[in-house]
N, C-alpha and C. Protein backbone atom coordinates (compact mmCIF):
# COMPACT_ATOMS: atom_id res chain seq x y z
N MET A 1 -10.59 27.00 0.35
CA MET A 1 -9.61 25.99 0.55
C MET A 1 -8.24 26.34 0.24
N ASN A 2 -7.22 25.94 1.08
CA ASN A 2 -5.81 26.20 0.78
C ASN A 2 -5.46 25.20 -0.38
N LYS A 3 -4.88 25.68 -1.46
CA LYS A 3 -4.53 24.86 -2.64
C LYS A 3 -3.43 23.74 -2.14
N LYS A 4 -2.59 23.99 -1.39
CA LYS A 4 -1.66 23.08 -0.84
C LYS A 4 -2.27 21.67 -0.45
N ASP A 5 -3.56 22.00 0.04
CA ASP A 5 -4.55 20.81 0.70
C ASP A 5 -5.07 20.03 -0.27
N THR A 6 -5.22 20.35 -1.70
CA THR A 6 -5.76 19.72 -2.56
C THR A 6 -5.33 18.22 -2.78
N PRO A 7 -3.92 17.97 -2.95
CA PRO A 7 -3.46 16.56 -3.05
C PRO A 7 -3.98 15.78 -1.79
N THR A 8 -3.90 16.26 -0.70
CA THR A 8 -4.32 15.38 0.47
C THR A 8 -5.73 14.88 0.26
N LEU A 9 -6.76 15.90 0.03
CA LEU A 9 -8.04 15.70 -0.20
C LEU A 9 -8.30 14.78 -1.39
N ILE A 10 -7.46 14.65 -2.30
CA ILE A 10 -7.56 13.81 -3.34
C ILE A 10 -7.23 12.54 -3.05
N PHE A 11 -6.13 12.43 -2.40
CA PHE A 11 -5.67 10.93 -1.79
C PHE A 11 -6.65 10.39 -0.85
N VAL A 12 -7.37 11.06 0.12
CA VAL A 12 -8.16 10.65 1.07
C VAL A 12 -9.43 10.08 0.35
N ALA A 13 -10.09 11.07 -0.70
CA ALA A 13 -10.95 10.45 -1.62
C ALA A 13 -10.78 9.15 -2.26
N LEU A 14 -9.61 9.05 -2.83
CA LEU A 14 -9.29 7.99 -3.66
C LEU A 14 -9.36 6.52 -2.71
N ALA A 15 -8.79 6.95 -1.49
CA ALA A 15 -8.65 5.82 -0.34
C ALA A 15 -10.06 5.35 -0.14
N LEU A 16 -11.21 6.20 0.01
CA LEU A 16 -12.39 5.85 0.50
C LEU A 16 -13.00 5.15 -0.78
N PHE A 17 -12.67 5.68 -1.86
CA PHE A 17 -13.15 5.03 -3.51
C PHE A 17 -12.76 3.74 -3.39
N VAL A 18 -11.37 3.40 -3.29
CA VAL A 18 -10.89 2.14 -3.32
C VAL A 18 -11.41 1.30 -2.25
N ALA A 19 -11.49 1.88 -0.96
CA ALA A 19 -11.79 0.98 0.13
C ALA A 19 -13.37 0.47 -0.31
N LEU A 20 -14.31 1.22 -0.77
CA LEU A 20 -15.55 0.79 -1.29
C LEU A 20 -15.47 -0.32 -2.33
N GLY A 21 -14.50 -0.12 -3.17
CA GLY A 21 -14.48 -0.93 -4.12
C GLY A 21 -13.86 -2.35 -3.64
N ILE A 22 -13.01 -2.36 -2.54
CA ILE A 22 -12.72 -3.64 -2.05
C ILE A 22 -13.87 -4.13 -1.20
N GLY A 23 -14.69 -3.38 -0.61
CA GLY A 23 -15.59 -3.84 0.16
C GLY A 23 -16.70 -4.56 -0.81
N SER A 24 -16.94 -3.98 -1.86
CA SER A 24 -17.87 -4.71 -2.88
C SER A 24 -17.44 -5.87 -3.54
N SER A 25 -16.07 -6.09 -3.48
CA SER A 25 -15.42 -7.29 -3.99
C SER A 25 -15.78 -8.30 -3.21
N PHE A 26 -16.21 -8.22 -2.03
CA PHE A 26 -16.65 -9.53 -1.33
C PHE A 26 -18.02 -10.16 -1.81
N PHE A 27 -18.58 -9.32 -2.49
CA PHE A 27 -19.79 -9.77 -3.04
C PHE A 27 -19.89 -10.29 -4.53
N GLY A 28 -20.63 -11.45 -4.72
CA GLY A 28 -20.57 -11.91 -6.11
C GLY A 28 -21.57 -11.30 -7.07
N SER A 29 -21.65 -11.48 -8.32
CA SER A 29 -22.37 -10.71 -9.07
C SER A 29 -23.66 -11.59 -9.32
N GLU A 30 -23.58 -12.86 -9.15
CA GLU A 30 -24.77 -13.84 -9.31
C GLU A 30 -25.46 -13.99 -8.20
N LYS A 31 -26.75 -14.15 -8.26
CA LYS A 31 -27.77 -14.34 -7.19
C LYS A 31 -28.06 -15.62 -7.12
N VAL A 32 -28.26 -16.36 -5.90
CA VAL A 32 -28.62 -17.65 -5.54
C VAL A 32 -30.12 -17.61 -5.75
N PRO A 33 -30.69 -18.86 -5.80
CA PRO A 33 -32.20 -19.02 -5.92
C PRO A 33 -32.96 -18.17 -4.95
N ASP A 34 -32.68 -17.99 -3.92
CA ASP A 34 -33.52 -17.20 -2.88
C ASP A 34 -33.32 -15.62 -3.06
N GLY A 35 -32.62 -15.23 -4.07
CA GLY A 35 -32.28 -13.67 -4.31
C GLY A 35 -31.42 -13.14 -3.70
N THR A 36 -30.50 -13.87 -2.79
CA THR A 36 -29.52 -13.09 -1.81
C THR A 36 -28.20 -13.15 -2.75
N VAL A 37 -27.25 -12.35 -2.40
CA VAL A 37 -26.08 -12.35 -3.16
C VAL A 37 -24.93 -13.08 -2.40
N PRO A 38 -24.18 -14.06 -2.84
CA PRO A 38 -23.29 -14.92 -2.23
C PRO A 38 -22.11 -14.13 -1.83
N LEU A 39 -21.57 -14.44 -0.93
CA LEU A 39 -20.15 -13.78 -0.48
C LEU A 39 -19.08 -14.40 -1.18
N LYS A 40 -18.04 -13.65 -1.64
CA LYS A 40 -17.06 -14.07 -2.24
C LYS A 40 -15.67 -13.42 -1.82
N PRO A 41 -14.51 -14.15 -1.57
CA PRO A 41 -13.40 -13.67 -0.95
C PRO A 41 -12.95 -12.40 -1.93
N PRO A 42 -12.02 -11.46 -1.65
CA PRO A 42 -11.69 -10.50 -2.50
C PRO A 42 -10.54 -10.97 -3.16
N VAL A 43 -10.49 -10.55 -4.23
CA VAL A 43 -9.23 -11.08 -5.29
C VAL A 43 -8.10 -9.82 -5.23
N ILE A 44 -7.20 -10.06 -4.06
CA ILE A 44 -6.22 -9.03 -4.07
C ILE A 44 -4.95 -9.64 -3.90
N GLY A 45 -3.89 -9.19 -4.66
CA GLY A 45 -2.46 -9.61 -4.59
C GLY A 45 -2.14 -10.55 -5.51
N GLY A 46 -0.93 -11.12 -5.67
CA GLY A 46 -0.50 -12.00 -6.72
C GLY A 46 1.04 -11.83 -7.05
N PRO A 47 1.38 -12.58 -7.89
CA PRO A 47 2.71 -12.45 -8.41
C PRO A 47 3.16 -11.09 -8.79
N PHE A 48 4.57 -10.75 -8.41
CA PHE A 48 5.29 -9.60 -8.95
C PHE A 48 6.69 -9.78 -9.03
N GLU A 49 7.15 -8.83 -9.70
CA GLU A 49 8.58 -8.70 -9.86
C GLU A 49 9.01 -7.33 -9.82
N LEU A 50 9.84 -6.86 -8.76
CA LEU A 50 10.13 -5.24 -8.56
C LEU A 50 11.42 -5.30 -8.17
N VAL A 51 12.08 -4.10 -8.00
CA VAL A 51 13.48 -3.91 -7.56
C VAL A 51 13.48 -3.27 -6.26
N ASP A 52 14.09 -3.91 -5.33
CA ASP A 52 13.98 -3.23 -3.85
C ASP A 52 15.04 -2.04 -3.75
N HIS A 53 15.03 -1.55 -2.59
CA HIS A 53 15.94 -0.34 -2.26
C HIS A 53 17.51 -0.68 -2.19
N THR A 54 17.72 -1.67 -2.29
CA THR A 54 19.21 -2.26 -2.41
C THR A 54 19.56 -2.50 -3.89
N SER A 55 18.68 -2.23 -4.76
CA SER A 55 18.75 -2.52 -6.16
C SER A 55 18.78 -4.17 -6.64
N ARG A 56 18.27 -4.71 -5.73
CA ARG A 56 18.06 -6.26 -6.00
C ARG A 56 16.79 -6.77 -6.56
N THR A 57 16.67 -7.48 -7.31
CA THR A 57 15.38 -7.97 -7.99
C THR A 57 14.66 -8.83 -7.20
N VAL A 58 13.51 -8.61 -6.69
CA VAL A 58 12.88 -9.37 -5.79
C VAL A 58 11.40 -9.80 -6.28
N THR A 59 10.76 -10.78 -5.99
CA THR A 59 9.53 -11.55 -6.39
C THR A 59 8.76 -11.56 -5.09
N ASP A 60 7.33 -11.86 -5.35
CA ASP A 60 6.53 -12.13 -4.17
C ASP A 60 7.02 -13.36 -3.50
N LYS A 61 7.70 -14.37 -4.09
CA LYS A 61 8.10 -15.59 -3.46
C LYS A 61 9.16 -15.28 -2.49
N ASP A 62 9.84 -14.17 -2.47
CA ASP A 62 10.79 -13.82 -1.45
C ASP A 62 10.41 -13.33 -0.06
N PHE A 63 8.99 -13.26 -0.06
CA PHE A 63 8.28 -12.79 1.11
C PHE A 63 7.23 -13.67 1.38
N HIS A 64 7.24 -14.93 1.05
CA HIS A 64 6.13 -15.92 1.48
C HIS A 64 6.31 -16.48 2.92
N SER A 65 7.43 -16.22 3.41
CA SER A 65 7.52 -16.72 4.98
C SER A 65 7.25 -15.85 6.02
N LYS A 66 6.73 -14.51 5.58
CA LYS A 66 6.31 -13.46 6.35
C LYS A 66 5.00 -12.89 6.08
N TYR A 67 4.38 -12.31 7.03
CA TYR A 67 3.32 -11.36 6.85
C TYR A 67 3.95 -9.97 6.16
N LEU A 68 3.12 -9.52 5.33
CA LEU A 68 3.42 -8.27 4.72
C LEU A 68 2.33 -7.20 4.86
N LEU A 69 2.94 -5.79 5.21
CA LEU A 69 2.15 -4.76 5.40
C LEU A 69 2.48 -3.94 4.13
N ILE A 70 1.63 -3.73 3.04
CA ILE A 70 2.15 -2.95 1.78
C ILE A 70 1.30 -1.82 1.71
N TYR A 71 2.23 -0.62 1.44
CA TYR A 71 1.67 0.59 1.10
C TYR A 71 2.18 0.92 -0.19
N PHE A 72 1.14 1.64 -1.16
CA PHE A 72 1.54 2.09 -2.49
C PHE A 72 1.64 3.58 -2.40
N GLY A 73 2.73 4.26 -2.79
CA GLY A 73 2.96 5.74 -2.69
C GLY A 73 4.04 6.20 -3.46
N TYR A 74 4.53 7.35 -3.14
CA TYR A 74 5.83 8.07 -3.88
C TYR A 74 6.30 8.96 -2.77
N ILE A 75 7.71 9.06 -3.19
CA ILE A 75 8.63 9.86 -2.32
C ILE A 75 8.14 11.38 -2.21
N TYR A 76 7.80 12.02 -3.39
CA TYR A 76 7.47 13.27 -3.49
C TYR A 76 5.97 13.70 -2.93
N CYS A 77 5.33 12.76 -2.34
CA CYS A 77 4.11 12.93 -1.85
C CYS A 77 4.11 13.91 -0.78
N PRO A 78 3.29 14.87 -0.80
CA PRO A 78 3.23 16.00 0.26
C PRO A 78 3.23 15.55 1.67
N ASP A 79 2.26 14.73 2.03
CA ASP A 79 2.18 14.27 3.47
C ASP A 79 1.44 13.08 3.64
N VAL A 80 0.50 12.50 2.70
CA VAL A 80 -0.28 11.31 2.97
C VAL A 80 0.59 10.15 3.11
N CYS A 81 1.52 10.09 2.17
CA CYS A 81 2.37 8.75 2.08
C CYS A 81 3.21 8.71 3.60
N SER A 82 3.89 9.84 3.90
CA SER A 82 4.65 9.78 5.16
C SER A 82 3.89 9.63 6.36
N THR A 83 2.60 10.09 6.33
CA THR A 83 1.65 9.65 7.40
C THR A 83 1.45 8.19 7.59
N ALA A 84 1.18 7.63 6.50
CA ALA A 84 0.75 6.19 6.28
C ALA A 84 2.04 5.25 6.76
N VAL A 85 3.29 5.76 6.10
CA VAL A 85 4.44 5.03 6.69
C VAL A 85 4.66 5.05 8.11
N ILE A 86 4.50 6.23 8.68
CA ILE A 86 4.87 6.50 10.07
C ILE A 86 3.79 5.63 11.00
N THR A 87 2.59 5.67 10.51
CA THR A 87 1.49 4.74 11.13
C THR A 87 1.91 3.31 11.07
N ILE A 88 2.34 2.89 10.09
CA ILE A 88 2.82 1.30 10.12
C ILE A 88 4.01 1.20 10.94
N SER A 89 5.04 2.10 10.94
CA SER A 89 6.18 1.87 11.80
C SER A 89 5.89 1.93 13.22
N ASP A 90 4.88 2.95 13.53
CA ASP A 90 4.35 3.11 14.82
C ASP A 90 3.73 1.58 15.57
N ALA A 91 2.88 1.27 14.36
CA ALA A 91 2.01 0.02 14.87
C ALA A 91 2.99 -1.17 14.96
N LEU A 92 4.14 -1.21 14.40
CA LEU A 92 4.95 -2.43 14.70
C LEU A 92 5.89 -2.13 15.96
N ASP A 93 6.22 -0.85 16.22
CA ASP A 93 6.72 -0.69 17.49
C ASP A 93 5.80 -0.97 18.71
N ILE A 94 4.44 -0.79 18.43
CA ILE A 94 3.52 -1.15 19.50
C ILE A 94 3.55 -2.55 19.75
N LEU A 95 3.63 -3.39 18.59
CA LEU A 95 3.44 -4.84 18.57
C LEU A 95 4.47 -5.44 19.39
N GLY A 96 5.84 -4.79 19.31
CA GLY A 96 6.84 -5.31 20.07
C GLY A 96 7.71 -6.20 19.03
N PRO A 97 8.89 -6.45 19.35
CA PRO A 97 9.80 -7.00 18.55
C PRO A 97 9.60 -8.45 18.00
N ASP A 98 8.98 -9.09 18.91
CA ASP A 98 8.74 -10.64 18.72
C ASP A 98 7.76 -10.71 17.66
N MET A 99 6.69 -9.95 17.73
CA MET A 99 5.50 -10.09 16.70
C MET A 99 6.08 -9.16 15.27
N ALA A 100 6.37 -8.03 15.63
CA ALA A 100 6.85 -7.18 14.55
C ALA A 100 7.97 -7.88 13.61
N ASN A 101 8.63 -8.90 14.06
CA ASN A 101 9.68 -9.64 13.44
C ASN A 101 8.97 -10.57 12.33
N LYS A 102 7.83 -10.72 12.79
CA LYS A 102 6.96 -11.87 11.71
C LYS A 102 6.52 -11.00 10.35
N ILE A 103 6.50 -9.52 10.65
CA ILE A 103 6.12 -8.84 9.36
C ILE A 103 7.16 -7.90 8.76
N THR A 104 7.01 -7.85 7.43
CA THR A 104 7.76 -6.91 6.68
C THR A 104 6.85 -5.80 5.97
N PRO A 105 7.39 -4.72 6.42
CA PRO A 105 6.56 -3.58 5.95
C PRO A 105 7.13 -3.08 4.53
N VAL A 106 6.29 -2.87 3.52
CA VAL A 106 6.72 -2.56 2.06
C VAL A 106 6.17 -1.49 1.57
N PHE A 107 6.94 -0.62 1.04
CA PHE A 107 6.68 0.63 0.50
C PHE A 107 6.94 0.30 -1.07
N VAL A 108 5.72 0.42 -1.95
CA VAL A 108 5.86 0.20 -3.24
C VAL A 108 5.76 1.58 -4.08
N SER A 109 6.66 2.23 -4.63
CA SER A 109 6.50 3.28 -5.46
C SER A 109 5.77 3.30 -6.73
N VAL A 110 4.69 4.41 -6.91
CA VAL A 110 4.05 4.28 -7.99
C VAL A 110 4.53 5.46 -8.96
N ASP A 111 5.72 5.81 -8.73
CA ASP A 111 6.48 7.15 -9.35
C ASP A 111 7.56 6.52 -9.91
N HIS A 112 7.52 5.43 -10.86
CA HIS A 112 8.81 4.97 -11.56
C HIS A 112 9.83 5.97 -12.15
N GLU A 113 9.44 7.03 -12.50
CA GLU A 113 10.20 8.00 -13.17
C GLU A 113 11.33 8.78 -12.30
N ARG A 114 10.86 8.82 -11.03
CA ARG A 114 11.74 9.72 -9.99
C ARG A 114 12.24 8.98 -9.01
N ASP A 115 11.34 7.65 -8.57
CA ASP A 115 11.63 7.02 -7.31
C ASP A 115 12.86 5.92 -7.70
N THR A 116 14.01 6.12 -7.41
CA THR A 116 14.99 5.00 -7.90
C THR A 116 15.39 4.33 -6.41
N PRO A 117 16.00 3.23 -6.66
CA PRO A 117 16.26 2.47 -5.43
C PRO A 117 17.15 3.15 -4.34
N GLU A 118 18.07 3.98 -4.97
CA GLU A 118 18.82 4.84 -4.14
C GLU A 118 18.01 5.86 -3.40
N SER A 119 17.00 6.55 -3.92
CA SER A 119 16.11 7.54 -3.29
C SER A 119 15.33 6.81 -2.43
N LEU A 120 14.80 5.47 -2.74
CA LEU A 120 13.92 4.76 -1.95
C LEU A 120 14.58 4.32 -0.66
N ARG A 121 15.90 4.01 -0.65
CA ARG A 121 16.72 3.65 0.51
C ARG A 121 16.91 4.65 1.45
N GLU A 122 16.95 5.90 0.95
CA GLU A 122 17.02 6.89 1.92
C GLU A 122 15.76 7.51 2.44
N TYR A 123 14.86 7.25 1.61
CA TYR A 123 13.28 7.62 2.16
C TYR A 123 12.86 6.67 3.19
N VAL A 124 12.80 5.38 2.90
CA VAL A 124 12.35 4.38 3.89
C VAL A 124 13.18 4.34 5.20
N GLY A 125 14.58 4.52 4.92
CA GLY A 125 15.45 4.72 6.17
C GLY A 125 15.16 5.72 7.33
N GLN A 126 14.43 6.73 6.70
CA GLN A 126 14.11 7.71 7.56
C GLN A 126 12.95 7.32 8.78
N PHE A 127 12.21 6.21 8.44
CA PHE A 127 11.13 5.88 9.15
C PHE A 127 11.45 4.56 10.07
N SER A 128 11.90 3.55 9.44
CA SER A 128 12.43 2.21 10.04
C SER A 128 13.27 1.29 9.19
N PRO A 129 14.30 0.61 9.91
CA PRO A 129 15.17 -0.04 9.17
C PRO A 129 14.30 -1.36 8.73
N ARG A 130 13.03 -1.58 9.22
CA ARG A 130 12.43 -2.62 8.88
C ARG A 130 11.86 -2.58 7.32
N PHE A 131 11.59 -1.32 7.00
CA PHE A 131 10.91 -1.13 5.63
C PHE A 131 11.75 -1.35 4.50
N VAL A 132 11.19 -2.13 3.33
CA VAL A 132 11.66 -2.35 2.11
C VAL A 132 10.84 -1.63 1.05
N GLY A 133 11.69 -0.76 0.43
CA GLY A 133 11.22 0.11 -0.62
C GLY A 133 11.35 -0.74 -1.98
N MET A 134 10.27 -0.46 -2.90
CA MET A 134 10.28 -1.20 -4.04
C MET A 134 9.93 -0.32 -5.14
N THR A 135 10.47 -0.37 -6.31
CA THR A 135 10.17 0.37 -7.50
C THR A 135 10.34 -0.66 -8.76
N GLY A 136 10.22 -0.23 -9.88
CA GLY A 136 10.14 -0.98 -11.12
C GLY A 136 10.08 -0.13 -12.44
N THR A 137 9.98 -0.80 -13.51
CA THR A 137 9.28 -0.21 -14.60
C THR A 137 7.91 0.30 -14.58
N LYS A 138 7.42 0.97 -15.50
CA LYS A 138 5.94 1.36 -15.54
C LYS A 138 5.16 0.22 -15.54
N LYS A 139 5.65 -0.84 -16.52
CA LYS A 139 4.87 -2.10 -16.81
C LYS A 139 4.88 -2.86 -15.26
N GLN A 140 5.99 -3.06 -14.77
CA GLN A 140 5.89 -3.87 -13.54
C GLN A 140 5.10 -3.19 -12.31
N ILE A 141 5.11 -1.83 -12.23
CA ILE A 141 4.52 -1.20 -11.31
C ILE A 141 2.99 -1.20 -11.63
N SER A 142 2.50 -1.14 -12.79
CA SER A 142 1.19 -1.30 -13.24
C SER A 142 0.47 -2.46 -12.86
N GLN A 143 1.33 -3.53 -13.08
CA GLN A 143 1.06 -5.03 -13.04
C GLN A 143 0.69 -5.13 -11.53
N VAL A 144 1.67 -4.90 -10.56
CA VAL A 144 1.39 -5.07 -9.04
C VAL A 144 0.19 -4.21 -8.67
N ALA A 145 0.35 -2.96 -9.07
CA ALA A 145 -1.01 -2.09 -8.69
C ALA A 145 -2.24 -2.62 -9.02
N LYS A 146 -2.36 -2.98 -10.38
CA LYS A 146 -3.73 -3.89 -10.72
C LYS A 146 -3.89 -5.10 -9.74
N ALA A 147 -2.95 -5.93 -9.49
CA ALA A 147 -3.03 -7.18 -8.62
C ALA A 147 -3.70 -6.60 -7.21
N TYR A 148 -3.34 -5.38 -6.75
CA TYR A 148 -3.80 -4.97 -5.37
C TYR A 148 -4.86 -3.86 -5.47
N ASN A 149 -5.46 -3.86 -6.60
CA ASN A 149 -6.51 -2.94 -6.91
C ASN A 149 -6.28 -1.43 -6.46
N VAL A 150 -4.93 -1.05 -6.77
CA VAL A 150 -4.58 0.26 -6.50
C VAL A 150 -4.63 1.13 -7.59
N TYR A 151 -5.18 2.28 -7.43
CA TYR A 151 -5.28 3.41 -8.41
C TYR A 151 -4.00 4.16 -8.47
N PHE A 152 -3.41 4.70 -9.43
CA PHE A 152 -2.45 5.76 -9.58
C PHE A 152 -2.31 6.31 -10.84
N ALA A 153 -2.04 7.76 -11.00
CA ALA A 153 -1.82 8.23 -12.13
C ALA A 153 -1.34 9.78 -11.92
N LYS A 154 -0.71 10.30 -12.74
CA LYS A 154 -0.07 11.62 -12.67
C LYS A 154 -1.14 12.43 -12.54
N SER A 155 -1.12 13.58 -11.43
CA SER A 155 -2.07 14.53 -11.18
C SER A 155 -2.17 15.51 -12.54
N GLU A 156 -3.46 15.89 -12.78
CA GLU A 156 -3.69 16.77 -13.98
C GLU A 156 -3.81 18.27 -13.34
N GLU A 157 -3.34 18.22 -12.09
CA GLU A 157 -3.65 19.67 -11.21
C GLU A 157 -2.60 20.91 -12.18
N PRO A 158 -3.14 21.86 -12.59
CA PRO A 158 -2.33 23.02 -13.21
C PRO A 158 -1.28 23.41 -12.45
N GLY A 159 -0.07 23.84 -13.13
CA GLY A 159 0.97 24.59 -12.37
C GLY A 159 2.21 23.51 -12.19
N GLY A 160 2.01 22.34 -12.57
CA GLY A 160 3.05 21.39 -12.60
C GLY A 160 3.90 21.34 -13.92
N ASN A 161 4.98 20.49 -13.89
CA ASN A 161 5.80 20.40 -15.02
C ASN A 161 6.26 19.00 -15.17
N ALA A 162 7.08 18.94 -16.17
CA ALA A 162 7.53 17.41 -16.43
C ALA A 162 8.26 16.77 -15.29
N GLU A 163 8.79 17.57 -14.31
CA GLU A 163 9.75 17.25 -13.32
C GLU A 163 8.99 17.31 -11.96
N ASN A 164 8.20 18.34 -11.89
CA ASN A 164 7.52 18.70 -10.64
C ASN A 164 5.99 18.47 -10.82
N TYR A 165 5.71 17.40 -10.22
CA TYR A 165 4.10 16.78 -10.49
C TYR A 165 3.72 16.00 -9.13
N PHE A 166 2.33 15.94 -8.98
CA PHE A 166 1.92 15.00 -7.89
C PHE A 166 1.30 13.79 -8.57
N MET A 167 1.31 12.70 -7.85
CA MET A 167 0.83 11.47 -8.23
C MET A 167 -0.50 11.30 -7.40
N ASP A 168 -1.63 11.14 -8.22
CA ASP A 168 -2.89 10.75 -7.33
C ASP A 168 -2.96 9.16 -7.35
N HIS A 169 -3.20 8.64 -6.17
CA HIS A 169 -3.23 7.41 -5.97
C HIS A 169 -4.01 6.87 -4.59
N SER A 170 -4.32 5.72 -4.58
CA SER A 170 -5.15 5.12 -3.50
C SER A 170 -4.21 5.25 -2.29
N ALA A 171 -4.71 5.31 -1.16
CA ALA A 171 -3.95 5.25 0.37
C ALA A 171 -4.48 4.34 1.21
N ILE A 172 -4.28 3.09 0.81
CA ILE A 172 -4.65 1.90 1.75
C ILE A 172 -3.60 1.05 2.10
N THR A 173 -3.27 0.48 3.22
CA THR A 173 -2.25 -0.45 3.55
C THR A 173 -2.88 -1.86 3.68
N TYR A 174 -2.19 -2.82 2.96
CA TYR A 174 -2.85 -4.31 2.87
C TYR A 174 -1.99 -5.06 3.87
N LEU A 175 -2.45 -6.04 4.43
CA LEU A 175 -1.88 -7.05 5.24
C LEU A 175 -2.16 -8.41 4.65
N MET A 176 -0.87 -8.95 4.00
CA MET A 176 -1.09 -10.22 3.48
C MET A 176 -0.46 -11.34 4.25
N GLY A 177 -0.91 -12.42 4.10
CA GLY A 177 -0.37 -13.60 4.90
C GLY A 177 0.70 -14.02 4.33
N PRO A 178 1.64 -15.17 5.12
CA PRO A 178 2.80 -15.78 4.66
C PRO A 178 2.65 -16.51 3.44
N ASP A 179 1.53 -17.03 3.05
CA ASP A 179 0.98 -17.61 1.73
C ASP A 179 0.79 -16.73 0.77
N GLY A 180 1.06 -15.38 0.89
CA GLY A 180 0.91 -14.48 -0.21
C GLY A 180 -0.64 -14.04 -0.47
N LYS A 181 -1.51 -14.55 0.51
CA LYS A 181 -2.87 -14.24 0.46
C LYS A 181 -3.36 -13.06 0.97
N PHE A 182 -4.37 -12.33 0.69
CA PHE A 182 -4.80 -11.04 1.19
C PHE A 182 -5.54 -11.50 2.61
N ILE A 183 -5.33 -10.72 3.60
CA ILE A 183 -6.04 -10.81 5.01
C ILE A 183 -7.09 -9.86 5.15
N ARG A 184 -6.60 -8.49 5.22
CA ARG A 184 -7.46 -7.48 5.35
C ARG A 184 -6.76 -6.12 4.98
N HIS A 185 -7.53 -5.02 4.94
CA HIS A 185 -6.87 -3.76 4.62
C HIS A 185 -7.24 -2.84 5.67
N PHE A 186 -6.24 -1.80 5.80
CA PHE A 186 -6.40 -0.78 6.87
C PHE A 186 -6.60 0.77 6.12
N PRO A 187 -7.69 1.44 6.40
CA PRO A 187 -7.72 2.66 5.79
C PRO A 187 -6.77 3.71 6.02
N TYR A 188 -6.73 4.73 5.09
CA TYR A 188 -5.75 5.88 5.68
C TYR A 188 -6.38 6.49 6.75
N GLY A 189 -5.60 7.07 7.52
CA GLY A 189 -5.87 7.77 8.94
C GLY A 189 -6.23 6.84 10.02
N ILE A 190 -6.12 5.70 10.00
CA ILE A 190 -6.25 4.56 11.06
C ILE A 190 -5.16 4.95 12.21
N ASP A 191 -5.56 4.89 13.51
CA ASP A 191 -4.76 5.00 14.58
C ASP A 191 -3.79 3.98 14.71
N PRO A 192 -2.41 4.05 14.87
CA PRO A 192 -1.38 3.08 14.96
C PRO A 192 -1.90 1.93 15.93
N LYS A 193 -2.38 2.37 17.17
CA LYS A 193 -2.71 1.36 18.07
C LYS A 193 -3.86 0.45 17.70
N ASN A 194 -4.76 1.03 16.95
CA ASN A 194 -5.86 0.36 16.36
C ASN A 194 -5.19 -0.69 15.39
N MET A 195 -4.48 -0.34 14.55
CA MET A 195 -3.89 -1.20 13.56
C MET A 195 -3.08 -2.32 14.19
N ALA A 196 -2.39 -1.87 15.32
CA ALA A 196 -1.56 -2.91 15.99
C ALA A 196 -2.46 -3.88 16.70
N ASP A 197 -3.66 -3.61 17.30
CA ASP A 197 -4.48 -4.31 18.00
C ASP A 197 -5.15 -5.33 17.10
N GLN A 198 -5.43 -4.84 15.94
CA GLN A 198 -6.07 -5.73 14.88
C GLN A 198 -5.07 -6.90 14.22
N ILE A 199 -3.98 -6.42 14.10
CA ILE A 199 -2.86 -7.35 13.53
C ILE A 199 -2.57 -8.31 14.86
N LYS A 200 -2.44 -7.96 16.06
CA LYS A 200 -2.32 -8.77 17.11
C LYS A 200 -3.30 -9.88 17.17
N LYS A 201 -4.46 -9.63 16.99
CA LYS A 201 -5.67 -10.41 16.90
C LYS A 201 -5.50 -11.61 15.79
N ILE A 202 -4.95 -11.10 14.67
CA ILE A 202 -4.86 -12.05 13.60
C ILE A 202 -3.56 -12.95 13.70
N LEU A 203 -2.45 -12.36 14.32
CA LEU A 203 -1.30 -13.17 14.54
C LEU A 203 -1.30 -14.06 15.77
N GLY A 204 -2.29 -13.59 16.68
CA GLY A 204 -2.39 -14.17 17.74
C GLY A 204 -1.87 -15.41 18.32
């Protein structure tokens, strides 16, 4: 195995792990009298306060009028994050302007030490002017990641240093409604047209 592929495999494995966690969250822990397990909606999302790529403080309330496509990643990510962001951007292009204008794509950094508003502005600008980049303090990012069931941590892979390191993180895109409630998630590697088709059915 090529060593440079290791972060990608870690990210994909984490994506599957979190996806399974999300899937399991649909089920309650208490059984009803007939022994079956009742269905429960997943608890994903919630209030947050972060800083966007224009250095403006934003909260979840600033986005309650639109659908959100939210992805958690970081600028120095080798390939997984850029692939996911391109997928989101391509899916919005496929939807067309009328439907895409109802959706705000959001890239939330899990690397508060390196990803500044300025660097996020340059990063998201490479993909689409629609994107909003967000960062914050370690506490702020931890809170929003917890709300979205997102795992992230500095990689312990040998060979790195204080400035050159990878971040292990889940790689799932979340679709949130204008009311701030979770609608569904999209796994890493989904085809842009597939994502667009599913969003079209929801916004229909």
